[in-house]
PDB file of all heavy atoms in Angstrom:
ATOM      1  N   ALA A   1     -16.326  14.556  -9.817  1.00  0.00           N
ATOM      2  CA  ALA A   1     -14.899  14.617  -9.481  1.00  0.00           C
ATOM      3  C   ALA A   1     -14.681  14.823  -7.989  1.00  0.00           C
ATOM      4  O   ALA A   1     -13.731  14.290  -7.407  1.00  0.00           O
ATOM      5  CB  ALA A   1     -14.216  15.716 -10.282  1.00  0.00           C
ATOM      6  N   ALA A   2     -15.556  15.610  -7.351  1.00  0.00           N
ATOM      7  CA  ALA A   2     -15.395  15.866  -5.922  1.00  0.00           C
ATOM      8  C   ALA A   2     -15.573  14.583  -5.111  1.00  0.00           C
ATOM      9  O   ALA A   2     -14.808  14.313  -4.169  1.00  0.00           O
ATOM     10  CB  ALA A   2     -16.388  16.935  -5.468  1.00  0.00           C
ATOM     11  N   ALA A   3     -16.575  13.785  -5.459  1.00  0.00           N
ATOM     12  CA  ALA A   3     -16.793  12.518  -4.754  1.00  0.00           C
ATOM     13  C   ALA A   3     -15.640  11.559  -4.994  1.00  0.00           C
ATOM     14  O   ALA A   3     -15.222  10.832  -4.079  1.00  0.00           O
ATOM     15  CB  ALA A   3     -18.107  11.887  -5.213  1.00  0.00           C
ATOM     16  N   MET A   4     -15.118  11.535  -6.221  1.00  0.00           N
ATOM     17  CA  MET A   4     -13.965  10.688  -6.527  1.00  0.00           C
ATOM     18  C   MET A   4     -12.794  11.073  -5.631  1.00  0.00           C
ATOM     19  O   MET A   4     -12.156  10.221  -5.005  1.00  0.00           O
ATOM     20  CB  MET A   4     -13.583  10.838  -8.004  1.00  0.00           C
ATOM     21  CG  MET A   4     -12.320  10.115  -8.420  1.00  0.00           C
ATOM     22  SD  MET A   4     -10.771  11.031  -8.098  1.00  0.00           S
ATOM     23  CE  MET A   4     -10.958  12.434  -9.193  1.00  0.00           C
ATOM     24  N   GLU A   5     -12.497  12.372  -5.549  1.00  0.00           N
ATOM     25  CA  GLU A   5     -11.355  12.821  -4.752  1.00  0.00           C
ATOM     26  C   GLU A   5     -11.527  12.459  -3.283  1.00  0.00           C
ATOM     27  O   GLU A   5     -10.585  11.973  -2.642  1.00  0.00           O
ATOM     28  CB  GLU A   5     -11.171  14.330  -4.896  1.00  0.00           C
ATOM     29  CG  GLU A   5     -10.043  14.862  -4.037  1.00  0.00           C
ATOM     30  CD  GLU A   5      -9.787  16.347  -4.230  1.00  0.00           C
ATOM     31  OE1 GLU A   5     -10.147  16.885  -5.300  1.00  0.00           O
ATOM     32  OE2 GLU A   5      -9.214  16.966  -3.317  1.00  0.00           O
ATOM     33  N   GLU A   6     -12.703  12.680  -2.731  1.00  0.00           N
ATOM     34  CA  GLU A   6     -12.926  12.366  -1.323  1.00  0.00           C
ATOM     35  C   GLU A   6     -12.765  10.879  -1.060  1.00  0.00           C
ATOM     36  O   GLU A   6     -12.191  10.462  -0.049  1.00  0.00           O
ATOM     37  CB  GLU A   6     -14.315  12.829  -0.891  1.00  0.00           C
ATOM     38  CG  GLU A   6     -14.639  12.550   0.569  1.00  0.00           C
ATOM     39  CD  GLU A   6     -13.623  13.159   1.541  1.00  0.00           C
ATOM     40  OE1 GLU A   6     -13.043  14.220   1.207  1.00  0.00           O
ATOM     41  OE2 GLU A   6     -13.412  12.566   2.621  1.00  0.00           O
ATOM     42  N   SER A   7     -13.252  10.049  -1.986  1.00  0.00           N
ATOM     43  CA  SER A   7     -13.114   8.606  -1.834  1.00  0.00           C
ATOM     44  C   SER A   7     -11.650   8.189  -1.826  1.00  0.00           C
ATOM     45  O   SER A   7     -11.221   7.366  -0.997  1.00  0.00           O
ATOM     46  CB  SER A   7     -13.867   7.902  -2.967  1.00  0.00           C
ATOM     47  OG  SER A   7     -13.657   6.509  -2.920  1.00  0.00           O
ATOM     48  N   VAL A   8     -10.866   8.742  -2.738  1.00  0.00           N
ATOM     49  CA  VAL A   8      -9.448   8.397  -2.826  1.00  0.00           C
ATOM     50  C   VAL A   8      -8.704   8.836  -1.573  1.00  0.00           C
ATOM     51  O   VAL A   8      -7.919   8.074  -0.987  1.00  0.00           O
ATOM     52  CB  VAL A   8      -8.827   9.033  -4.086  1.00  0.00           C
ATOM     53  CG1 VAL A   8      -7.305   8.928  -4.056  1.00  0.00           C
ATOM     54  CG2 VAL A   8      -9.365   8.365  -5.336  1.00  0.00           C
ATOM     55  N   ARG A   9      -8.941  10.068  -1.132  1.00  0.00           N
ATOM     56  CA  ARG A   9      -8.262  10.560   0.071  1.00  0.00           C
ATOM     57  C   ARG A   9      -8.644   9.730   1.297  1.00  0.00           C
ATOM     58  O   ARG A   9      -7.787   9.405   2.136  1.00  0.00           O
ATOM     59  CB  ARG A   9      -8.599  12.031   0.290  1.00  0.00           C
ATOM     60  CG  ARG A   9      -7.969  12.982  -0.730  1.00  0.00           C
ATOM     61  CD  ARG A   9      -8.292  14.435  -0.411  1.00  0.00           C
ATOM     62  NE  ARG A   9      -7.751  15.365  -1.372  1.00  0.00           N
ATOM     63  CZ  ARG A   9      -6.520  15.880  -1.326  1.00  0.00           C
ATOM     64  NH1 ARG A   9      -5.693  15.532  -0.347  1.00  0.00           N
ATOM     65  NH2 ARG A   9      -6.113  16.733  -2.260  1.00  0.00           N
ATOM     66  N   THR A  10      -9.911   9.363   1.407  1.00  0.00           N
ATOM     67  CA  THR A  10     -10.369   8.572   2.549  1.00  0.00           C
ATOM     68  C   THR A  10      -9.712   7.203   2.566  1.00  0.00           C
ATOM     69  O   THR A  10      -9.260   6.722   3.618  1.00  0.00           O
ATOM     70  CB  THR A  10     -11.902   8.420   2.511  1.00  0.00           C
ATOM     71  OG1 THR A  10     -12.496   9.718   2.609  1.00  0.00           O
ATOM     72  CG2 THR A  10     -12.398   7.543   3.660  1.00  0.00           C
ATOM     73  N   ARG A  11      -9.634   6.556   1.401  1.00  0.00           N
ATOM     74  CA  ARG A  11      -9.015   5.226   1.337  1.00  0.00           C
ATOM     75  C   ARG A  11      -7.538   5.287   1.683  1.00  0.00           C
ATOM     76  O   ARG A  11      -7.017   4.393   2.364  1.00  0.00           O
ATOM     77  CB  ARG A  11      -9.216   4.610  -0.048  1.00  0.00           C
ATOM     78  CG  ARG A  11     -10.646   4.139  -0.301  1.00  0.00           C
ATOM     79  CD  ARG A  11     -10.699   3.037  -1.362  1.00  0.00           C
ATOM     80  NE  ARG A  11     -10.140   3.453  -2.637  1.00  0.00           N
ATOM     81  CZ  ARG A  11     -10.844   4.032  -3.601  1.00  0.00           C
ATOM     82  NH1 ARG A  11     -12.126   4.304  -3.420  1.00  0.00           N
ATOM     83  NH2 ARG A  11     -10.276   4.365  -4.747  1.00  0.00           N
ATOM     84  N   MET A  12      -6.842   6.315   1.235  1.00  0.00           N
ATOM     85  CA  MET A  12      -5.413   6.417   1.543  1.00  0.00           C
ATOM     86  C   MET A  12      -5.175   6.676   3.028  1.00  0.00           C
ATOM     87  O   MET A  12      -4.213   6.166   3.611  1.00  0.00           O
ATOM     88  CB  MET A  12      -4.764   7.501   0.685  1.00  0.00           C
ATOM     89  CG  MET A  12      -4.613   7.109  -0.771  1.00  0.00           C
ATOM     90  SD  MET A  12      -3.521   8.216  -1.684  1.00  0.00           S
ATOM     91  CE  MET A  12      -4.492   9.718  -1.674  1.00  0.00           C
ATOM     92  N   ARG A  13      -6.052   7.463   3.657  1.00  0.00           N
ATOM     93  CA  ARG A  13      -5.923   7.676   5.100  1.00  0.00           C
ATOM     94  C   ARG A  13      -6.204   6.383   5.863  1.00  0.00           C
ATOM     95  O   ARG A  13      -5.534   6.085   6.867  1.00  0.00           O
ATOM     96  CB  ARG A  13      -6.858   8.802   5.559  1.00  0.00           C
ATOM     97  CG  ARG A  13      -6.420  10.188   5.111  1.00  0.00           C
ATOM     98  CD  ARG A  13      -7.195  11.282   5.831  1.00  0.00           C
ATOM     99  NE  ARG A  13      -8.613  11.266   5.504  1.00  0.00           N
ATOM    100  CZ  ARG A  13      -9.171  12.005   4.550  1.00  0.00           C
ATOM    101  NH1 ARG A  13      -8.425  12.821   3.818  1.00  0.00           N
ATOM    102  NH2 ARG A  13     -10.474  11.942   4.327  1.00  0.00           N
ATOM    103  N   ALA A  14      -7.180   5.604   5.389  1.00  0.00           N
ATOM    104  CA  ALA A  14      -7.475   4.325   6.033  1.00  0.00           C
ATOM    105  C   ALA A  14      -6.292   3.358   5.900  1.00  0.00           C
ATOM    106  O   ALA A  14      -5.967   2.628   6.845  1.00  0.00           O
ATOM    107  CB  ALA A  14      -8.732   3.713   5.423  1.00  0.00           C
ATOM    108  N   SER A  15      -5.644   3.356   4.745  1.00  0.00           N
ATOM    109  CA  SER A  15      -4.468   2.502   4.560  1.00  0.00           C
ATOM    110  C   SER A  15      -3.349   2.903   5.508  1.00  0.00           C
ATOM    111  O   SER A  15      -2.666   2.046   6.086  1.00  0.00           O
ATOM    112  CB  SER A  15      -3.989   2.581   3.112  1.00  0.00           C
ATOM    113  OG  SER A  15      -4.936   2.022   2.227  1.00  0.00           O
ATOM    114  N   ALA A  16      -3.162   4.212   5.677  1.00  0.00           N
ATOM    115  CA  ALA A  16      -2.133   4.691   6.597  1.00  0.00           C
ATOM    116  C   ALA A  16      -2.442   4.283   8.030  1.00  0.00           C
ATOM    117  O   ALA A  16      -1.537   3.931   8.800  1.00  0.00           O
ATOM    118  CB  ALA A  16      -2.011   6.211   6.487  1.00  0.00           C
ATOM    119  N   GLN A  17      -3.716   4.333   8.396  1.00  0.00           N
ATOM    120  CA  GLN A  17      -4.108   3.899   9.732  1.00  0.00           C
ATOM    121  C   GLN A  17      -3.803   2.416   9.923  1.00  0.00           C
ATOM    122  O   GLN A  17      -3.289   2.002  10.967  1.00  0.00           O
ATOM    123  CB  GLN A  17      -5.592   4.164   9.950  1.00  0.00           C
ATOM    124  CG  GLN A  17      -6.070   3.863  11.358  1.00  0.00           C
ATOM    125  CD  GLN A  17      -7.525   4.247  11.573  1.00  0.00           C
ATOM    126  OE1 GLN A  17      -8.265   4.476  10.623  1.00  0.00           O
ATOM    127  NE2 GLN A  17      -7.945   4.319  12.820  1.00  0.00           N
ATOM    128  N   ASP A  18      -4.099   1.603   8.909  1.00  0.00           N
ATOM    129  CA  ASP A  18      -3.783   0.172   8.973  1.00  0.00           C
ATOM    130  C   ASP A  18      -2.280  -0.055   9.137  1.00  0.00           C
ATOM    131  O   ASP A  18      -1.856  -1.024   9.762  1.00  0.00           O
ATOM    132  CB  ASP A  18      -4.264  -0.538   7.715  1.00  0.00           C
ATOM    133  CG  ASP A  18      -5.774  -0.652   7.639  1.00  0.00           C
ATOM    134  OD1 ASP A  18      -6.453  -0.443   8.663  1.00  0.00           O
ATOM    135  OD2 ASP A  18      -6.278  -0.948   6.534  1.00  0.00           O
ATOM    136  N   ALA A  19      -1.498   0.836   8.542  1.00  0.00           N
ATOM    137  CA  ALA A  19      -0.040   0.709   8.608  1.00  0.00           C
ATOM    138  C   ALA A  19       0.539   1.230   9.910  1.00  0.00           C
ATOM    139  O   ALA A  19       1.743   1.088  10.158  1.00  0.00           O
ATOM    140  CB  ALA A  19       0.591   1.462   7.436  1.00  0.00           C
ATOM    141  N   GLY A  20      -0.290   1.851  10.749  1.00  0.00           N
ATOM    142  CA  GLY A  20       0.193   2.379  12.015  1.00  0.00           C
ATOM    143  C   GLY A  20       0.862   3.729  11.910  1.00  0.00           C
ATOM    144  O   GLY A  20       1.637   4.116  12.796  1.00  0.00           O
ATOM    145  N   LEU A  21       0.549   4.481  10.848  1.00  0.00           N
ATOM    146  CA  LEU A  21       1.131   5.814  10.683  1.00  0.00           C
ATOM    147  C   LEU A  21       0.371   6.839  11.519  1.00  0.00           C
ATOM    148  O   LEU A  21      -0.730   6.583  12.015  1.00  0.00           O
ATOM    149  CB  LEU A  21       1.096   6.216   9.213  1.00  0.00           C
ATOM    150  CG  LEU A  21       1.989   5.402   8.283  1.00  0.00           C
ATOM    151  CD1 LEU A  21       1.715   5.773   6.834  1.00  0.00           C
ATOM    152  CD2 LEU A  21       3.458   5.625   8.605  1.00  0.00           C
ATOM    153  N   ALA A  22       0.966   8.007  11.631  1.00  0.00           N
ATOM    154  CA  ALA A  22       0.369   9.078  12.416  1.00  0.00           C
ATOM    155  C   ALA A  22      -0.938   9.549  11.788  1.00  0.00           C
ATOM    156  O   ALA A  22      -1.161   9.405  10.573  1.00  0.00           O
ATOM    157  CB  ALA A  22       1.343  10.255  12.531  1.00  0.00           C
ATOM    158  N   ALA A  23      -1.799  10.131  12.597  1.00  0.00           N
ATOM    159  CA  ALA A  23      -3.064  10.665  12.105  1.00  0.00           C
ATOM    160  C   ALA A  23      -2.802  11.683  11.003  1.00  0.00           C
ATOM    161  O   ALA A  23      -1.893  12.513  11.109  1.00  0.00           O
ATOM    162  CB  ALA A  23      -3.834  11.318  13.254  1.00  0.00           C
ATOM    163  N   GLY A  24      -3.591  11.613   9.939  1.00  0.00           N
ATOM    164  CA  GLY A  24      -3.441  12.542   8.824  1.00  0.00           C
ATOM    165  C   GLY A  24      -2.521  12.047   7.731  1.00  0.00           C
ATOM    166  O   GLY A  24      -2.442  12.667   6.666  1.00  0.00           O
ATOM    167  N   ALA A  25      -1.827  10.944   7.969  1.00  0.00           N
ATOM    168  CA  ALA A  25      -0.930  10.388   6.949  1.00  0.00           C
ATOM    169  C   ALA A  25      -1.738   9.633   5.897  1.00  0.00           C
ATOM    170  O   ALA A  25      -2.911   9.314   6.084  1.00  0.00           O
ATOM    171  CB  ALA A  25       0.095   9.467   7.593  1.00  0.00           C
ATOM    172  N   SER A  26      -1.088   9.351   4.767  1.00  0.00           N
ATOM    173  CA  SER A  26      -1.709   8.598   3.675  1.00  0.00           C
ATOM    174  C   SER A  26      -0.741   7.524   3.193  1.00  0.00           C
ATOM    175  O   SER A  26       0.479   7.691   3.260  1.00  0.00           O
ATOM    176  CB  SER A  26      -2.069   9.522   2.503  1.00  0.00           C
ATOM    177  OG  SER A  26      -3.088  10.429   2.868  1.00  0.00           O
ATOM    178  N   ALA A  27      -1.307   6.437   2.694  1.00  0.00           N
ATOM    179  CA  ALA A  27      -0.469   5.335   2.216  1.00  0.00           C
ATOM    180  C   ALA A  27      -1.161   4.606   1.073  1.00  0.00           C
ATOM    181  O   ALA A  27      -2.384   4.674   0.912  1.00  0.00           O
ATOM    182  CB  ALA A  27      -0.169   4.356   3.347  1.00  0.00           C
ATOM    183  N   GLU A  28      -0.351   3.918   0.276  1.00  0.00           N
ATOM    184  CA  GLU A  28      -0.832   2.991  -0.740  1.00  0.00           C
ATOM    185  C   GLU A  28      -0.414   1.580  -0.340  1.00  0.00           C
ATOM    186  O   GLU A  28       0.610   1.392   0.321  1.00  0.00           O
ATOM    187  CB  GLU A  28      -0.272   3.356  -2.121  1.00  0.00           C
ATOM    188  CG  GLU A  28      -0.832   4.674  -2.647  1.00  0.00           C
ATOM    189  CD  GLU A  28      -0.209   5.136  -3.961  1.00  0.00           C
ATOM    190  OE1 GLU A  28       0.907   4.666  -4.303  1.00  0.00           O
ATOM    191  OE2 GLU A  28      -0.840   5.963  -4.636  1.00  0.00           O
ATOM    192  N   GLU A  29      -1.215   0.595  -0.765  1.00  0.00           N
ATOM    193  CA  GLU A  29      -1.007  -0.788  -0.357  1.00  0.00           C
ATOM    194  C   GLU A  29      -0.552  -1.651  -1.527  1.00  0.00           C
ATOM    195  O   GLU A  29      -0.996  -1.460  -2.658  1.00  0.00           O
ATOM    196  CB  GLU A  29      -2.310  -1.377   0.198  1.00  0.00           C
ATOM    197  CG  GLU A  29      -2.864  -0.630   1.382  1.00  0.00           C
ATOM    198  CD  GLU A  29      -4.106  -1.291   1.950  1.00  0.00           C
ATOM    199  OE1 GLU A  29      -4.369  -2.476   1.610  1.00  0.00           O
ATOM    200  OE2 GLU A  29      -4.816  -0.627   2.729  1.00  0.00           O
ATOM    201  N   PHE A  30       0.308  -2.626  -1.218  1.00  0.00           N
ATOM    202  CA  PHE A  30       0.841  -3.513  -2.237  1.00  0.00           C
ATOM    203  C   PHE A  30       0.970  -4.935  -1.701  1.00  0.00           C
ATOM    204  O   PHE A  30       1.140  -5.158  -0.508  1.00  0.00           O
ATOM    205  CB  PHE A  30       2.221  -3.045  -2.701  1.00  0.00           C
ATOM    206  CG  PHE A  30       2.232  -1.695  -3.343  1.00  0.00           C
ATOM    207  CD1 PHE A  30       2.470  -0.554  -2.584  1.00  0.00           C
ATOM    208  CD2 PHE A  30       1.983  -1.554  -4.697  1.00  0.00           C
ATOM    209  CE1 PHE A  30       2.465   0.702  -3.177  1.00  0.00           C
ATOM    210  CE2 PHE A  30       1.972  -0.308  -5.293  1.00  0.00           C
ATOM    211  CZ  PHE A  30       2.216   0.826  -4.532  1.00  0.00           C
ATOM    212  N   HIS A  31       0.926  -5.872  -2.617  1.00  0.00           N
ATOM    213  CA  HIS A  31       1.355  -7.240  -2.360  1.00  0.00           C
ATOM    214  C   HIS A  31       2.700  -7.391  -3.060  1.00  0.00           C
ATOM    215  O   HIS A  31       2.773  -7.510  -4.283  1.00  0.00           O
ATOM    216  CB  HIS A  31       0.326  -8.221  -2.916  1.00  0.00           C
ATOM    217  CG  HIS A  31       0.709  -9.660  -2.758  1.00  0.00           C
ATOM    218  ND1 HIS A  31       0.022 -10.689  -3.385  1.00  0.00           N
ATOM    219  CD2 HIS A  31       1.701 -10.266  -2.043  1.00  0.00           C
ATOM    220  CE1 HIS A  31       0.565 -11.841  -3.059  1.00  0.00           C
ATOM    221  NE2 HIS A  31       1.589 -11.615  -2.260  1.00  0.00           N
ATOM    222  N   VAL A  32       3.764  -7.336  -2.284  1.00  0.00           N
ATOM    223  CA  VAL A  32       5.115  -7.376  -2.830  1.00  0.00           C
ATOM    224  C   VAL A  32       5.588  -8.830  -2.927  1.00  0.00           C
ATOM    225  O   VAL A  32       5.482  -9.598  -1.964  1.00  0.00           O
ATOM    226  CB  VAL A  32       6.080  -6.546  -1.957  1.00  0.00           C
ATOM    227  CG1 VAL A  32       7.527  -6.803  -2.352  1.00  0.00           C
ATOM    228  CG2 VAL A  32       5.749  -5.059  -2.076  1.00  0.00           C
ATOM    229  N   VAL A  33       6.088  -9.177  -4.093  1.00  0.00           N
ATOM    230  CA  VAL A  33       6.585 -10.529  -4.346  1.00  0.00           C
ATOM    231  C   VAL A  33       8.055 -10.433  -4.761  1.00  0.00           C
ATOM    232  O   VAL A  33       8.398  -9.702  -5.698  1.00  0.00           O
ATOM    233  CB  VAL A  33       5.777 -11.209  -5.467  1.00  0.00           C
ATOM    234  CG1 VAL A  33       6.336 -12.604  -5.763  1.00  0.00           C
ATOM    235  CG2 VAL A  33       4.299 -11.286  -5.094  1.00  0.00           C
ATOM    236  N   SER A  34       8.907 -11.151  -4.067  1.00  0.00           N
ATOM    237  CA  SER A  34      10.314 -11.246  -4.456  1.00  0.00           C
ATOM    238  C   SER A  34      10.438 -12.304  -5.546  1.00  0.00           C
ATOM    239  O   SER A  34      10.264 -13.499  -5.293  1.00  0.00           O
ATOM    240  CB  SER A  34      11.179 -11.617  -3.250  1.00  0.00           C
ATOM    241  OG  SER A  34      12.513 -11.813  -3.641  1.00  0.00           O
ATOM    242  N   VAL A  35      10.719 -11.874  -6.770  1.00  0.00           N
ATOM    243  CA  VAL A  35      10.827 -12.808  -7.893  1.00  0.00           C
ATOM    244  C   VAL A  35      12.211 -13.455  -7.923  1.00  0.00           C
ATOM    245  O   VAL A  35      12.348 -14.672  -8.044  1.00  0.00           O
ATOM    246  CB  VAL A  35      10.533 -12.104  -9.225  1.00  0.00           C
ATOM    247  CG1 VAL A  35      10.569 -13.099 -10.391  1.00  0.00           C
ATOM    248  CG2 VAL A  35       9.174 -11.394  -9.174  1.00  0.00           C
ATOM    249  N   ASN A  36      13.227 -12.643  -7.813  1.00  0.00           N
ATOM    250  CA  ASN A  36      14.592 -13.135  -7.786  1.00  0.00           C
ATOM    251  C   ASN A  36      15.358 -12.420  -6.683  1.00  0.00           C
ATOM    252  O   ASN A  36      15.392 -11.190  -6.631  1.00  0.00           O
ATOM    253  CB  ASN A  36      15.300 -12.895  -9.123  1.00  0.00           C
ATOM    254  CG  ASN A  36      14.856 -13.871 -10.188  1.00  0.00           C
ATOM    255  OD1 ASN A  36      15.200 -15.056 -10.145  1.00  0.00           O
ATOM    256  ND2 ASN A  36      14.078 -13.391 -11.154  1.00  0.00           N
ATOM    257  N   ASN A  37      15.976 -13.212  -5.828  1.00  0.00           N
ATOM    258  CA  ASN A  37      16.836 -12.684  -4.763  1.00  0.00           C
ATOM    259  C   ASN A  37      18.042 -13.602  -4.652  1.00  0.00           C
ATOM    260  O   ASN A  37      18.119 -14.608  -5.370  1.00  0.00           O
ATOM    261  CB  ASN A  37      16.060 -12.576  -3.448  1.00  0.00           C
ATOM    262  CG  ASN A  37      15.521 -13.925  -2.979  1.00  0.00           C
ATOM    263  OD1 ASN A  37      16.292 -14.842  -2.716  1.00  0.00           O
ATOM    264  ND2 ASN A  37      14.186 -14.039  -2.877  1.00  0.00           N
ATOM    265  N   PRO A  38      19.006 -13.298  -3.801  1.00  0.00           N
ATOM    266  CA  PRO A  38      20.219 -14.141  -3.758  1.00  0.00           C
ATOM    267  C   PRO A  38      19.967 -15.609  -3.451  1.00  0.00           C
ATOM    268  O   PRO A  38      20.795 -16.466  -3.759  1.00  0.00           O
ATOM    269  CB  PRO A  38      21.046 -13.475  -2.632  1.00  0.00           C
ATOM    270  CG  PRO A  38      20.621 -12.048  -2.677  1.00  0.00           C
ATOM    271  CD  PRO A  38      19.157 -12.084  -2.981  1.00  0.00           C
ATOM    272  N   GLU A  39      18.800 -15.922  -2.831  1.00  0.00           N
ATOM    273  CA  GLU A  39      18.505 -17.312  -2.492  1.00  0.00           C
ATOM    274  C   GLU A  39      17.690 -18.042  -3.560  1.00  0.00           C
ATOM    275  O   GLU A  39      17.430 -19.234  -3.457  1.00  0.00           O
ATOM    276  CB  GLU A  39      17.725 -17.367  -1.167  1.00  0.00           C
ATOM    277  CG  GLU A  39      18.563 -17.029   0.071  1.00  0.00           C
ATOM    278  CD  GLU A  39      18.849 -15.539   0.170  1.00  0.00           C
ATOM    279  OE1 GLU A  39      17.897 -14.767  -0.007  1.00  0.00           O
ATOM    280  OE2 GLU A  39      20.007 -15.171   0.422  1.00  0.00           O
ATOM    281  N   THR A  40      17.283 -17.320  -4.608  1.00  0.00           N
ATOM    282  CA  THR A  40      16.408 -17.918  -5.620  1.00  0.00           C
ATOM    283  C   THR A  40      17.150 -18.983  -6.424  1.00  0.00           C
ATOM    284  O   THR A  40      18.278 -18.762  -6.891  1.00  0.00           O
ATOM    285  CB  THR A  40      15.872 -16.846  -6.585  1.00  0.00           C
ATOM    286  OG1 THR A  40      15.127 -15.883  -5.834  1.00  0.00           O
ATOM    287  CG2 THR A  40      14.948 -17.459  -7.623  1.00  0.00           C
ATOM    288  N   ILE A  41      16.498 -20.125  -6.595  1.00  0.00           N
ATOM    289  CA  ILE A  41      17.003 -21.185  -7.460  1.00  0.00           C
ATOM    290  C   ILE A  41      16.012 -21.335  -8.601  1.00  0.00           C
ATOM    291  O   ILE A  41      14.812 -21.480  -8.386  1.00  0.00           O
ATOM    292  CB  ILE A  41      17.126 -22.529  -6.701  1.00  0.00           C
ATOM    293  CG1 ILE A  41      18.084 -22.376  -5.507  1.00  0.00           C
ATOM    294  CG2 ILE A  41      17.589 -23.642  -7.643  1.00  0.00           C
ATOM    295  CD1 ILE A  41      18.140 -23.602  -4.620  1.00  0.00           C
ATOM    296  N   ALA A  42      16.489 -21.290  -9.833  1.00  0.00           N
ATOM    297  CA  ALA A  42      15.597 -21.369 -10.989  1.00  0.00           C
ATOM    298  C   ALA A  42      14.748 -22.633 -10.925  1.00  0.00           C
ATOM    299  O   ALA A  42      15.261 -23.731 -10.733  1.00  0.00           O
ATOM    300  CB  ALA A  42      16.406 -21.322 -12.279  1.00  0.00           C
ATOM    301  N   GLY A  43      13.440 -22.433 -11.101  1.00  0.00           N
ATOM    302  CA  GLY A  43      12.521 -23.559 -11.130  1.00  0.00           C
ATOM    303  C   GLY A  43      12.003 -23.990  -9.771  1.00  0.00           C
ATOM    304  O   GLY A  43      11.221 -24.940  -9.677  1.00  0.00           O
ATOM    305  N   PHE A  44      12.383 -23.263  -8.688  1.00  0.00           N
ATOM    306  CA  PHE A  44      11.926 -23.617  -7.348  1.00  0.00           C
ATOM    307  C   PHE A  44      11.345 -22.394  -6.665  1.00  0.00           C
ATOM    308  O   PHE A  44      11.660 -21.269  -7.003  1.00  0.00           O
ATOM    309  CB  PHE A  44      13.091 -24.153  -6.507  1.00  0.00           C
ATOM    310  CG  PHE A  44      13.602 -25.483  -6.995  1.00  0.00           C
ATOM    311  CD1 PHE A  44      14.616 -25.553  -7.940  1.00  0.00           C
ATOM    312  CD2 PHE A  44      13.064 -26.668  -6.524  1.00  0.00           C
ATOM    313  CE1 PHE A  44      15.083 -26.773  -8.408  1.00  0.00           C
ATOM    314  CE2 PHE A  44      13.536 -27.887  -6.957  1.00  0.00           C
ATOM    315  CZ  PHE A  44      14.549 -27.941  -7.902  1.00  0.00           C
TER     316      PHE A  44
END
């Protein structure tokens, strides 16, 4: 469990660094897809 926790904390700090956050911050990463928005046309 200790190794799991350290791995998770390290990855979140690395993600925050990639995002340009301050030292010591943590972040999660996503691929965000807009499925429907005001410009969406069905089938396109």
